PDB file of all heavy atoms in Angstrom:
ATOM      1  N   SER A   1       2.008  68.592 -53.942  1.00  0.00           N
ATOM      2  CA  SER A   1       1.398  68.860 -55.255  1.00  0.00           C
ATOM      3  C   SER A   1      -0.116  69.107 -55.147  1.00  0.00           C
ATOM      4  O   SER A   1      -0.646  69.998 -55.708  1.00  0.00           O
ATOM      5  CB  SER A   1       1.684  67.796 -56.290  1.00  0.00           C
ATOM      6  OG  SER A   1       1.220  66.551 -55.796  1.00  0.00           O
ATOM      7  N   GLN A   2      -0.868  68.287 -54.258  1.00  0.00           N
ATOM      8  CA  GLN A   2      -2.218  68.456 -54.219  1.00  0.00           C
ATOM      9  C   GLN A   2      -2.609  69.792 -53.524  1.00  0.00           C
ATOM     10  O   GLN A   2      -3.583  70.466 -53.848  1.00  0.00           O
ATOM     11  CB  GLN A   2      -2.919  67.328 -53.469  1.00  0.00           C
ATOM     12  CG  GLN A   2      -2.532  67.124 -52.036  1.00  0.00           C
ATOM     13  CD  GLN A   2      -3.100  65.881 -51.502  1.00  0.00           C
ATOM     14  OE1 GLN A   2      -2.831  64.761 -52.025  1.00  0.00           O
ATOM     15  NE2 GLN A   2      -3.856  65.961 -50.446  1.00  0.00           N
ATOM     16  N   VAL A   3      -1.728  70.251 -52.607  1.00  0.00           N
ATOM     17  CA  VAL A   3      -1.930  71.503 -51.900  1.00  0.00           C
ATOM     18  C   VAL A   3      -1.668  72.637 -52.933  1.00  0.00           C
ATOM     19  O   VAL A   3      -2.472  73.642 -52.986  1.00  0.00           O
ATOM     20  CB  VAL A   3      -1.091  71.677 -50.697  1.00  0.00           C
ATOM     21  CG1 VAL A   3      -1.231  73.025 -50.050  1.00  0.00           C
ATOM     22  CG2 VAL A   3      -1.386  70.548 -49.700  1.00  0.00           C
ATOM     23  N   ARG A   4      -0.648  72.527 -53.706  1.00  0.00           N
ATOM     24  CA  ARG A   4      -0.359  73.544 -54.808  1.00  0.00           C
ATOM     25  C   ARG A   4      -1.512  73.649 -55.724  1.00  0.00           C
ATOM     26  O   ARG A   4      -1.915  74.755 -56.127  1.00  0.00           O
ATOM     27  CB  ARG A   4       0.928  73.232 -55.532  1.00  0.00           C
ATOM     28  CG  ARG A   4       2.189  73.308 -54.637  1.00  0.00           C
ATOM     29  CD  ARG A   4       3.462  73.234 -55.450  1.00  0.00           C
ATOM     30  NE  ARG A   4       3.601  72.282 -56.407  1.00  0.00           N
ATOM     31  CZ  ARG A   4       4.183  71.015 -56.275  1.00  0.00           C
ATOM     32  NH1 ARG A   4       4.654  70.712 -55.057  1.00  0.00           N
ATOM     33  NH2 ARG A   4       4.293  70.214 -57.240  1.00  0.00           N
ATOM     34  N   GLU A   5      -2.045  72.491 -56.187  1.00  0.00           N
ATOM     35  CA  GLU A   5      -3.212  72.496 -57.103  1.00  0.00           C
ATOM     36  C   GLU A   5      -4.387  73.251 -56.451  1.00  0.00           C
ATOM     37  O   GLU A   5      -5.051  74.065 -57.093  1.00  0.00           O
ATOM     38  CB  GLU A   5      -3.635  71.039 -57.398  1.00  0.00           C
ATOM     39  CG  GLU A   5      -2.749  70.339 -58.351  1.00  0.00           C
ATOM     40  CD  GLU A   5      -2.842  70.732 -59.809  1.00  0.00           C
ATOM     41  OE1 GLU A   5      -3.772  71.518 -60.122  1.00  0.00           O
ATOM     42  OE2 GLU A   5      -2.028  70.262 -60.579  1.00  0.00           O
ATOM     43  N   SER A   6      -4.609  73.022 -55.197  1.00  0.00           N
ATOM     44  CA  SER A   6      -5.741  73.704 -54.502  1.00  0.00           C
ATOM     45  C   SER A   6      -5.443  75.216 -54.368  1.00  0.00           C
ATOM     46  O   SER A   6      -6.380  75.997 -54.585  1.00  0.00           O
ATOM     47  CB  SER A   6      -5.843  73.043 -53.086  1.00  0.00           C
ATOM     48  OG  SER A   6      -6.926  73.676 -52.379  1.00  0.00           O
ATOM     49  N   ILE A   7      -4.261  75.614 -54.061  1.00  0.00           N
ATOM     50  CA  ILE A   7      -3.876  76.988 -53.951  1.00  0.00           C
ATOM     51  C   ILE A   7      -4.177  77.724 -55.246  1.00  0.00           C
ATOM     52  O   ILE A   7      -4.842  78.742 -55.246  1.00  0.00           O
ATOM     53  CB  ILE A   7      -2.412  77.126 -53.513  1.00  0.00           C
ATOM     54  CG1 ILE A   7      -2.249  76.732 -52.043  1.00  0.00           C
ATOM     55  CG2 ILE A   7      -1.948  78.635 -53.735  1.00  0.00           C
ATOM     56  CD1 ILE A   7      -0.795  76.568 -51.616  1.00  0.00           C
ATOM     57  N   PHE A   8      -3.683  77.201 -56.299  1.00  0.00           N
ATOM     58  CA  PHE A   8      -3.806  77.867 -57.664  1.00  0.00           C
ATOM     59  C   PHE A   8      -5.201  77.782 -58.152  1.00  0.00           C
ATOM     60  O   PHE A   8      -5.680  78.709 -58.866  1.00  0.00           O
ATOM     61  CB  PHE A   8      -2.775  77.390 -58.630  1.00  0.00           C
ATOM     62  CG  PHE A   8      -1.454  77.964 -58.332  1.00  0.00           C
ATOM     63  CD1 PHE A   8      -0.459  77.262 -57.620  1.00  0.00           C
ATOM     64  CD2 PHE A   8      -1.124  79.263 -58.728  1.00  0.00           C
ATOM     65  CE1 PHE A   8       0.721  77.851 -57.330  1.00  0.00           C
ATOM     66  CE2 PHE A   8       0.084  79.884 -58.416  1.00  0.00           C
ATOM     67  CZ  PHE A   8       1.068  79.138 -57.719  1.00  0.00           C
ATOM     68  N   SER A   9      -6.002  76.761 -57.797  1.00  0.00           N
ATOM     69  CA  SER A   9      -7.392  76.719 -58.158  1.00  0.00           C
ATOM     70  C   SER A   9      -8.214  77.822 -57.474  1.00  0.00           C
ATOM     71  O   SER A   9      -8.940  78.543 -58.111  1.00  0.00           O
ATOM     72  CB  SER A   9      -7.932  75.369 -57.785  1.00  0.00           C
ATOM     73  OG  SER A   9      -9.333  75.285 -58.021  1.00  0.00           O
ATOM     74  N   VAL A  10      -7.956  77.993 -56.157  1.00  0.00           N
ATOM     75  CA  VAL A  10      -8.634  79.054 -55.459  1.00  0.00           C
ATOM     76  C   VAL A  10      -8.203  80.432 -55.963  1.00  0.00           C
ATOM     77  O   VAL A  10      -9.000  81.301 -56.216  1.00  0.00           O
ATOM     78  CB  VAL A  10      -8.421  78.951 -53.928  1.00  0.00           C
ATOM     79  CG1 VAL A  10      -8.864  80.213 -53.171  1.00  0.00           C
ATOM     80  CG2 VAL A  10      -9.046  77.703 -53.341  1.00  0.00           C
ATOM     81  N   LEU A  11      -6.918  80.566 -56.097  1.00  0.00           N
ATOM     82  CA  LEU A  11      -6.311  81.844 -56.578  1.00  0.00           C
ATOM     83  C   LEU A  11      -6.914  82.180 -57.964  1.00  0.00           C
ATOM     84  O   LEU A  11      -7.311  83.366 -58.192  1.00  0.00           O
ATOM     85  CB  LEU A  11      -4.827  81.785 -56.683  1.00  0.00           C
ATOM     86  CG  LEU A  11      -4.067  83.066 -56.895  1.00  0.00           C
ATOM     87  CD1 LEU A  11      -4.383  84.051 -55.810  1.00  0.00           C
ATOM     88  CD2 LEU A  11      -2.548  82.769 -56.845  1.00  0.00           C
ATOM     89  N   TYR A  12      -7.035  81.247 -58.826  1.00  0.00           N
ATOM     90  CA  TYR A  12      -7.630  81.443 -60.214  1.00  0.00           C
ATOM     91  C   TYR A  12      -9.069  81.968 -60.143  1.00  0.00           C
ATOM     92  O   TYR A  12      -9.495  82.708 -60.906  1.00  0.00           O
ATOM     93  CB  TYR A  12      -7.431  80.228 -61.075  1.00  0.00           C
ATOM     94  CG  TYR A  12      -7.804  80.551 -62.505  1.00  0.00           C
ATOM     95  CD1 TYR A  12      -6.875  81.266 -63.303  1.00  0.00           C
ATOM     96  CD2 TYR A  12      -8.943  80.015 -63.065  1.00  0.00           C
ATOM     97  CE1 TYR A  12      -7.209  81.507 -64.629  1.00  0.00           C
ATOM     98  CE2 TYR A  12      -9.268  80.322 -64.406  1.00  0.00           C
ATOM     99  CZ  TYR A  12      -8.356  81.042 -65.158  1.00  0.00           C
ATOM    100  OH  TYR A  12      -8.728  81.309 -66.446  1.00  0.00           O
ATOM    101  N   SER A  13      -9.798  81.443 -59.121  1.00  0.00           N
ATOM    102  CA  SER A  13     -11.237  81.814 -58.943  1.00  0.00           C
ATOM    103  C   SER A  13     -11.323  83.263 -58.433  1.00  0.00           C
ATOM    104  O   SER A  13     -12.380  83.879 -58.506  1.00  0.00           O
ATOM    105  CB  SER A  13     -11.891  80.825 -58.053  1.00  0.00           C
ATOM    106  OG  SER A  13     -11.554  81.000 -56.717  1.00  0.00           O
ATOM    107  N   ILE A  14     -10.217  83.827 -57.797  1.00  0.00           N
ATOM    108  CA  ILE A  14     -10.268  85.082 -57.261  1.00  0.00           C
ATOM    109  C   ILE A  14      -9.742  86.212 -58.164  1.00  0.00           C
ATOM    110  O   ILE A  14     -10.202  87.315 -58.207  1.00  0.00           O
ATOM    111  CB  ILE A  14      -9.429  85.133 -55.922  1.00  0.00           C
ATOM    112  CG1 ILE A  14      -9.985  84.187 -54.883  1.00  0.00           C
ATOM    113  CG2 ILE A  14      -9.290  86.523 -55.343  1.00  0.00           C
ATOM    114  CD1 ILE A  14      -9.056  83.931 -53.736  1.00  0.00           C
ATOM    115  N   THR A  15      -8.680  85.850 -58.932  1.00  0.00           N
ATOM    116  CA  THR A  15      -8.001  86.834 -59.799  1.00  0.00           C
ATOM    117  C   THR A  15      -7.466  86.151 -61.088  1.00  0.00           C
ATOM    118  O   THR A  15      -7.299  84.954 -61.089  1.00  0.00           O
ATOM    119  CB  THR A  15      -6.871  87.533 -59.012  1.00  0.00           C
ATOM    120  OG1 THR A  15      -6.359  88.569 -59.812  1.00  0.00           O
ATOM    121  CG2 THR A  15      -5.715  86.568 -58.679  1.00  0.00           C
ATOM    122  N   ASP A  16      -7.198  86.912 -62.058  1.00  0.00           N
ATOM    123  CA  ASP A  16      -6.544  86.406 -63.221  1.00  0.00           C
ATOM    124  C   ASP A  16      -5.037  86.547 -63.055  1.00  0.00           C
ATOM    125  O   ASP A  16      -4.586  87.300 -62.105  1.00  0.00           O
ATOM    126  CB  ASP A  16      -6.970  87.014 -64.541  1.00  0.00           C
ATOM    127  CG  ASP A  16      -6.638  88.538 -64.624  1.00  0.00           C
ATOM    128  OD1 ASP A  16      -6.331  89.119 -63.553  1.00  0.00           O
ATOM    129  OD2 ASP A  16      -6.627  89.110 -65.712  1.00  0.00           O
ATOM    130  N   PHE A  17      -4.158  85.819 -63.787  1.00  0.00           N
ATOM    131  CA  PHE A  17      -2.758  85.821 -63.586  1.00  0.00           C
ATOM    132  C   PHE A  17      -1.975  86.668 -64.620  1.00  0.00           C
ATOM    133  O   PHE A  17      -0.861  87.063 -64.373  1.00  0.00           O
ATOM    134  CB  PHE A  17      -2.214  84.395 -63.594  1.00  0.00           C
ATOM    135  CG  PHE A  17      -2.804  83.434 -62.645  1.00  0.00           C
ATOM    136  CD1 PHE A  17      -2.536  82.067 -62.687  1.00  0.00           C
ATOM    137  CD2 PHE A  17      -3.594  83.854 -61.568  1.00  0.00           C
ATOM    138  CE1 PHE A  17      -3.089  81.187 -61.849  1.00  0.00           C
ATOM    139  CE2 PHE A  17      -4.091  82.994 -60.637  1.00  0.00           C
ATOM    140  CZ  PHE A  17      -3.819  81.607 -60.820  1.00  0.00           C
ATOM    141  N   GLU A  18      -2.672  87.023 -65.682  1.00  0.00           N
ATOM    142  CA  GLU A  18      -2.063  87.741 -66.715  1.00  0.00           C
ATOM    143  C   GLU A  18      -1.560  89.143 -66.320  1.00  0.00           C
ATOM    144  O   GLU A  18      -2.318  89.922 -65.674  1.00  0.00           O
ATOM    145  CB  GLU A  18      -3.011  87.894 -67.936  1.00  0.00           C
ATOM    146  CG  GLU A  18      -2.307  88.373 -69.193  1.00  0.00           C
ATOM    147  CD  GLU A  18      -3.323  88.422 -70.377  1.00  0.00           C
ATOM    148  OE1 GLU A  18      -4.221  87.612 -70.393  1.00  0.00           O
ATOM    149  OE2 GLU A  18      -3.134  89.225 -71.242  1.00  0.00           O
ATOM    150  N   LYS A  19      -0.261  89.440 -66.610  1.00  0.00           N
ATOM    151  CA  LYS A  19       0.309  90.755 -66.296  1.00  0.00           C
ATOM    152  C   LYS A  19       0.357  90.996 -64.845  1.00  0.00           C
ATOM    153  O   LYS A  19       0.369  92.134 -64.380  1.00  0.00           O
ATOM    154  CB  LYS A  19      -0.348  91.854 -67.036  1.00  0.00           C
ATOM    155  CG  LYS A  19      -0.249  91.779 -68.555  1.00  0.00           C
ATOM    156  CD  LYS A  19      -0.768  92.913 -69.268  1.00  0.00           C
ATOM    157  CE  LYS A  19      -0.537  92.665 -70.751  1.00  0.00           C
ATOM    158  NZ  LYS A  19      -1.025  93.666 -71.630  1.00  0.00           N
ATOM    159  N   LYS A  20       0.407  89.918 -64.004  1.00  0.00           N
ATOM    160  CA  LYS A  20       0.419  90.096 -62.552  1.00  0.00           C
ATOM    161  C   LYS A  20       1.783  89.620 -61.997  1.00  0.00           C
ATOM    162  O   LYS A  20       2.500  88.850 -62.594  1.00  0.00           O
ATOM    163  CB  LYS A  20      -0.737  89.213 -61.874  1.00  0.00           C
ATOM    164  CG  LYS A  20      -2.129  89.613 -62.343  1.00  0.00           C
ATOM    165  CD  LYS A  20      -2.632  90.804 -61.589  1.00  0.00           C
ATOM    166  CE  LYS A  20      -3.945  91.307 -61.938  1.00  0.00           C
ATOM    167  NZ  LYS A  20      -5.072  90.682 -61.349  1.00  0.00           N
ATOM    168  N   SER A  21       2.094  90.131 -60.762  1.00  0.00           N
ATOM    169  CA  SER A  21       3.270  89.818 -60.092  1.00  0.00           C
ATOM    170  C   SER A  21       3.014  88.931 -58.877  1.00  0.00           C
ATOM    171  O   SER A  21       2.000  89.068 -58.243  1.00  0.00           O
ATOM    172  CB  SER A  21       4.045  91.077 -59.697  1.00  0.00           C
ATOM    173  OG  SER A  21       3.222  91.856 -58.870  1.00  0.00           O
ATOM    174  N   PHE A  22       4.046  88.089 -58.574  1.00  0.00           N
ATOM    175  CA  PHE A  22       3.858  87.085 -57.484  1.00  0.00           C
ATOM    176  C   PHE A  22       5.178  87.106 -56.730  1.00  0.00           C
ATOM    177  O   PHE A  22       6.230  87.019 -57.309  1.00  0.00           O
ATOM    178  CB  PHE A  22       3.626  85.709 -58.148  1.00  0.00           C
ATOM    179  CG  PHE A  22       3.300  84.621 -57.158  1.00  0.00           C
ATOM    180  CD1 PHE A  22       1.981  84.223 -56.956  1.00  0.00           C
ATOM    181  CD2 PHE A  22       4.299  83.981 -56.431  1.00  0.00           C
ATOM    182  CE1 PHE A  22       1.667  83.145 -56.103  1.00  0.00           C
ATOM    183  CE2 PHE A  22       4.020  82.917 -55.555  1.00  0.00           C
ATOM    184  CZ  PHE A  22       2.668  82.543 -55.440  1.00  0.00           C
ATOM    185  N   LEU A  23       5.053  87.154 -55.391  1.00  0.00           N
ATOM    186  CA  LEU A  23       6.264  87.096 -54.521  1.00  0.00           C
ATOM    187  C   LEU A  23       6.183  85.830 -53.655  1.00  0.00           C
ATOM    188  O   LEU A  23       5.169  85.594 -52.994  1.00  0.00           O
ATOM    189  CB  LEU A  23       6.308  88.277 -53.621  1.00  0.00           C
ATOM    190  CG  LEU A  23       7.379  88.243 -52.456  1.00  0.00           C
ATOM    191  CD1 LEU A  23       8.767  88.157 -53.098  1.00  0.00           C
ATOM    192  CD2 LEU A  23       7.229  89.391 -51.520  1.00  0.00           C
ATOM    193  N   ASP A  24       7.145  85.015 -53.874  1.00  0.00           N
ATOM    194  CA  ASP A  24       7.354  83.824 -52.976  1.00  0.00           C
ATOM    195  C   ASP A  24       8.313  84.258 -51.826  1.00  0.00           C
ATOM    196  O   ASP A  24       9.533  84.281 -51.962  1.00  0.00           O
ATOM    197  CB  ASP A  24       7.933  82.637 -53.758  1.00  0.00           C
ATOM    198  CG  ASP A  24       7.970  81.312 -53.044  1.00  0.00           C
ATOM    199  OD1 ASP A  24       7.724  81.273 -51.862  1.00  0.00           O
ATOM    200  OD2 ASP A  24       8.109  80.297 -53.773  1.00  0.00           O
ATOM    201  N   ALA A  25       7.650  84.655 -50.694  1.00  0.00           N
ATOM    202  CA  ALA A  25       8.393  85.391 -49.676  1.00  0.00           C
ATOM    203  C   ALA A  25       9.376  84.574 -48.849  1.00  0.00           C
ATOM    204  O   ALA A  25      10.294  85.130 -48.294  1.00  0.00           O
ATOM    205  CB  ALA A  25       7.442  86.085 -48.741  1.00  0.00           C
ATOM    206  N   PHE A  26       9.184  83.270 -48.738  1.00  0.00           N
ATOM    207  CA  PHE A  26      10.104  82.336 -48.099  1.00  0.00           C
ATOM    208  C   PHE A  26      10.327  81.165 -49.044  1.00  0.00           C
ATOM    209  O   PHE A  26       9.760  80.118 -48.791  1.00  0.00           O
ATOM    210  CB  PHE A  26       9.531  81.867 -46.690  1.00  0.00           C
ATOM    211  CG  PHE A  26       9.310  83.031 -45.735  1.00  0.00           C
ATOM    212  CD1 PHE A  26       8.157  83.775 -45.697  1.00  0.00           C
ATOM    213  CD2 PHE A  26      10.291  83.328 -44.801  1.00  0.00           C
ATOM    214  CE1 PHE A  26       7.960  84.829 -44.825  1.00  0.00           C
ATOM    215  CE2 PHE A  26      10.122  84.342 -43.884  1.00  0.00           C
ATOM    216  CZ  PHE A  26       8.948  85.117 -43.874  1.00  0.00           C
ATOM    217  N   ALA A  27      11.094  81.367 -50.001  1.00  0.00           N
ATOM    218  CA  ALA A  27      11.081  80.576 -51.239  1.00  0.00           C
ATOM    219  C   ALA A  27      11.407  79.069 -50.988  1.00  0.00           C
ATOM    220  O   ALA A  27      10.824  78.184 -51.577  1.00  0.00           O
ATOM    221  CB  ALA A  27      12.005  81.159 -52.317  1.00  0.00           C
ATOM    222  N   GLY A  28      12.428  78.777 -50.213  1.00  0.00           N
ATOM    223  CA  GLY A  28      12.856  77.409 -50.070  1.00  0.00           C
ATOM    224  C   GLY A  28      13.151  76.799 -51.424  1.00  0.00           C
ATOM    225  O   GLY A  28      13.936  77.360 -52.194  1.00  0.00           O
ATOM    226  N   SER A  29      12.479  75.744 -51.779  1.00  0.00           N
ATOM    227  CA  SER A  29      12.661  75.114 -53.140  1.00  0.00           C
ATOM    228  C   SER A  29      12.261  76.037 -54.288  1.00  0.00           C
ATOM    229  O   SER A  29      12.657  75.853 -55.421  1.00  0.00           O
ATOM    230  CB  SER A  29      11.955  73.769 -53.193  1.00  0.00           C
ATOM    231  OG  SER A  29      10.525  73.992 -53.219  1.00  0.00           O
ATOM    232  N   GLY A  30      11.312  76.902 -53.941  1.00  0.00           N
ATOM    233  CA  GLY A  30      10.773  77.831 -55.046  1.00  0.00           C
ATOM    234  C   GLY A  30       9.616  77.192 -55.776  1.00  0.00           C
ATOM    235  O   GLY A  30       9.100  77.864 -56.745  1.00  0.00           O
TER     236      GLY A  30
END
């Protein structure tokens, strides 16, 4: 969870999420 929080925090600082697509390429649990 803390790594996910970090990932989305950095991602949010780079781009917005609205009307965007996301690929989880090796999904596992998803």
